[in-house]
Amino acid sequence: MDIIRVKQILSSSADVKVMYNGSSIWIDELHEDQELVTCHLRGPLEERTQVAVSDLIEVK
């Protein structure tokens, strides 16, 4: 994924499915200067982590 698509997802009201390392995640925040996002797993666990934008996969 790229930074432009992350910005589109963050500004969208649609439920866009994004995967990281085989798990479905929510993107919480974009750190554009570092090309990272803060995200958490979908579901009850809300442990947040930072991952590279390039490691995210949008499921269409």
N, C-alpha and C. Protein backbone atom coordinates (compact mmCIF):
# COMPACT_ATOMS: atom_id res chain seq x y z
N MET A 1 0.85 -1.16 0.00
CA MET A 1 0.00 0.00 0.00
C MET A 1 0.90 1.23 0.00
N ASP A 2 0.34 2.37 -0.40
CA ASP A 2 1.12 3.60 -0.38
C ASP A 2 0.44 4.66 0.48
N ILE A 3 1.16 5.75 0.74
CA ILE A 3 0.68 6.80 1.63
C ILE A 3 -0.60 7.44 1.11
N ILE A 4 -0.71 7.64 -0.18
CA ILE A 4 -1.92 8.24 -0.76
C ILE A 4 -3.15 7.39 -0.44
N ARG A 5 -3.04 6.08 -0.57
CA ARG A 5 -4.18 5.20 -0.29
C ARG A 5 -4.50 5.20 1.20
N VAL A 6 -3.51 5.24 2.06
CA VAL A 6 -3.76 5.30 3.50
C VAL A 6 -4.55 6.57 3.82
N LYS A 7 -4.18 7.71 3.23
CA LYS A 7 -4.90 8.96 3.45
C LYS A 7 -6.35 8.83 2.98
N GLN A 8 -6.56 8.18 1.83
CA GLN A 8 -7.93 7.98 1.33
C GLN A 8 -8.74 7.13 2.30
N ILE A 9 -8.15 6.07 2.80
CA ILE A 9 -8.85 5.18 3.74
C ILE A 9 -9.19 5.92 5.02
N LEU A 10 -8.25 6.70 5.55
CA LEU A 10 -8.50 7.43 6.79
C LEU A 10 -9.60 8.48 6.64
N SER A 11 -9.73 9.06 5.45
CA SER A 11 -10.75 10.09 5.25
C SER A 11 -12.09 9.52 4.78
N SER A 12 -12.14 8.24 4.51
CA SER A 12 -13.35 7.60 4.01
C SER A 12 -14.26 7.13 5.15
N SER A 13 -15.56 7.16 4.89
CA SER A 13 -16.51 6.61 5.86
C SER A 13 -16.76 5.12 5.60
N ALA A 14 -16.22 4.61 4.51
CA ALA A 14 -16.39 3.20 4.16
C ALA A 14 -15.54 2.31 5.07
N ASP A 15 -15.97 1.08 5.24
CA ASP A 15 -15.23 0.09 6.01
C ASP A 15 -14.30 -0.64 5.05
N VAL A 16 -13.05 -0.19 4.99
CA VAL A 16 -12.06 -0.75 4.08
C VAL A 16 -11.27 -1.81 4.83
N LYS A 17 -11.24 -3.02 4.29
CA LYS A 17 -10.52 -4.10 4.96
C LYS A 17 -9.04 -4.02 4.59
N VAL A 18 -8.21 -3.92 5.64
CA VAL A 18 -6.76 -3.82 5.47
C VAL A 18 -6.13 -4.94 6.30
N MET A 19 -5.15 -5.59 5.71
CA MET A 19 -4.47 -6.71 6.37
C MET A 19 -3.01 -6.33 6.64
N TYR A 20 -2.52 -6.82 7.77
CA TYR A 20 -1.11 -6.71 8.10
C TYR A 20 -0.68 -8.06 8.67
N ASN A 21 0.30 -8.66 8.05
CA ASN A 21 0.86 -9.91 8.55
C ASN A 21 -0.22 -10.98 8.76
N GLY A 22 -1.19 -11.02 7.85
CA GLY A 22 -2.24 -12.04 7.91
C GLY A 22 -3.40 -11.72 8.82
N SER A 23 -3.39 -10.54 9.46
CA SER A 23 -4.47 -10.15 10.38
C SER A 23 -5.17 -8.90 9.88
N SER A 24 -6.47 -8.84 10.10
CA SER A 24 -7.26 -7.67 9.74
C SER A 24 -7.04 -6.57 10.77
N ILE A 25 -6.73 -5.36 10.30
CA ILE A 25 -6.39 -4.26 11.21
C ILE A 25 -7.20 -3.01 10.90
N TRP A 26 -7.25 -2.11 11.87
CA TRP A 26 -7.76 -0.75 11.70
C TRP A 26 -6.55 0.18 11.68
N ILE A 27 -6.55 1.14 10.77
CA ILE A 27 -5.51 2.16 10.75
C ILE A 27 -5.99 3.32 11.62
N ASP A 28 -5.21 3.68 12.62
CA ASP A 28 -5.57 4.76 13.54
C ASP A 28 -4.97 6.09 13.13
N GLU A 29 -3.73 6.05 12.66
CA GLU A 29 -3.02 7.31 12.39
C GLU A 29 -1.90 7.06 11.38
N LEU A 30 -1.66 8.05 10.54
CA LEU A 30 -0.58 7.99 9.56
C LEU A 30 0.56 8.89 10.03
N HIS A 31 1.78 8.36 9.99
CA HIS A 31 2.99 9.13 10.29
C HIS A 31 3.74 9.26 8.96
N GLU A 32 3.30 10.22 8.18
CA GLU A 32 3.75 10.33 6.79
C GLU A 32 5.26 10.49 6.67
N ASP A 33 5.87 11.29 7.53
CA ASP A 33 7.31 11.53 7.44
C ASP A 33 8.15 10.28 7.65
N GLN A 34 7.59 9.30 8.38
CA GLN A 34 8.31 8.05 8.63
C GLN A 34 7.77 6.88 7.81
N GLU A 35 6.71 7.15 7.02
CA GLU A 35 6.04 6.12 6.22
C GLU A 35 5.57 4.96 7.09
N LEU A 36 4.99 5.32 8.27
CA LEU A 36 4.45 4.35 9.21
C LEU A 36 3.00 4.68 9.51
N VAL A 37 2.26 3.67 9.98
CA VAL A 37 0.93 3.89 10.51
C VAL A 37 0.88 3.31 11.92
N THR A 38 0.02 3.91 12.75
CA THR A 38 -0.33 3.30 14.03
C THR A 38 -1.62 2.55 13.75
N CYS A 39 -1.70 1.29 14.17
CA CYS A 39 -2.87 0.48 13.87
C CYS A 39 -3.14 -0.48 15.02
N HIS A 40 -4.32 -1.11 14.98
CA HIS A 40 -4.65 -2.15 15.96
C HIS A 40 -5.50 -3.22 15.27
N LEU A 41 -5.50 -4.41 15.84
CA LEU A 41 -6.28 -5.51 15.30
C LEU A 41 -7.76 -5.21 15.42
N ARG A 42 -8.53 -5.66 14.44
CA ARG A 42 -9.99 -5.57 14.56
C ARG A 42 -10.41 -6.54 15.64
N GLY A 43 -11.34 -6.13 16.47
CA GLY A 43 -11.82 -7.00 17.54
C GLY A 43 -11.58 -6.39 18.90
N PRO A 44 -11.72 -7.20 19.94
CA PRO A 44 -11.68 -6.68 21.30
C PRO A 44 -10.30 -6.20 21.78
N LEU A 45 -9.24 -6.74 21.23
CA LEU A 45 -7.91 -6.32 21.65
C LEU A 45 -7.51 -5.05 20.93
N GLU A 46 -7.14 -4.05 21.68
CA GLU A 46 -6.81 -2.78 21.05
C GLU A 46 -5.36 -2.38 21.27
N GLU A 47 -4.47 -3.34 21.35
CA GLU A 47 -3.05 -3.03 21.47
C GLU A 47 -2.60 -2.37 20.17
N ARG A 48 -2.05 -1.20 20.28
CA ARG A 48 -1.64 -0.46 19.10
C ARG A 48 -0.16 -0.70 18.81
N THR A 49 0.17 -0.67 17.53
CA THR A 49 1.55 -0.86 17.11
C THR A 49 1.79 -0.01 15.88
N GLN A 50 3.04 0.26 15.58
CA GLN A 50 3.40 1.00 14.38
C GLN A 50 4.00 0.02 13.37
N VAL A 51 3.53 0.14 12.13
CA VAL A 51 4.02 -0.71 11.06
C VAL A 51 4.26 0.12 9.81
N ALA A 52 5.07 -0.40 8.90
CA ALA A 52 5.37 0.29 7.65
C ALA A 52 4.15 0.29 6.73
N VAL A 53 3.91 1.42 6.09
CA VAL A 53 2.82 1.53 5.12
C VAL A 53 2.95 0.47 4.04
N SER A 54 4.17 0.20 3.61
CA SER A 54 4.41 -0.76 2.52
C SER A 54 4.05 -2.20 2.91
N ASP A 55 3.90 -2.47 4.21
CA ASP A 55 3.55 -3.81 4.67
C ASP A 55 2.03 -4.06 4.74
N LEU A 56 1.24 -3.02 4.48
CA LEU A 56 -0.21 -3.14 4.52
C LEU A 56 -0.77 -3.62 3.19
N ILE A 57 -1.83 -4.43 3.25
CA ILE A 57 -2.46 -4.95 2.05
C ILE A 57 -3.96 -4.67 2.14
N GLU A 58 -4.49 -4.00 1.11
CA GLU A 58 -5.94 -3.77 1.06
C GLU A 58 -6.61 -4.96 0.43
N VAL A 59 -7.68 -5.45 1.06
CA VAL A 59 -8.44 -6.58 0.55
C VAL A 59 -9.63 -6.02 -0.20
N LYS A 60 -9.73 -6.34 -1.49
CA LYS A 60 -10.82 -5.79 -2.31
C LYS A 60 -11.90 -6.79 -2.53
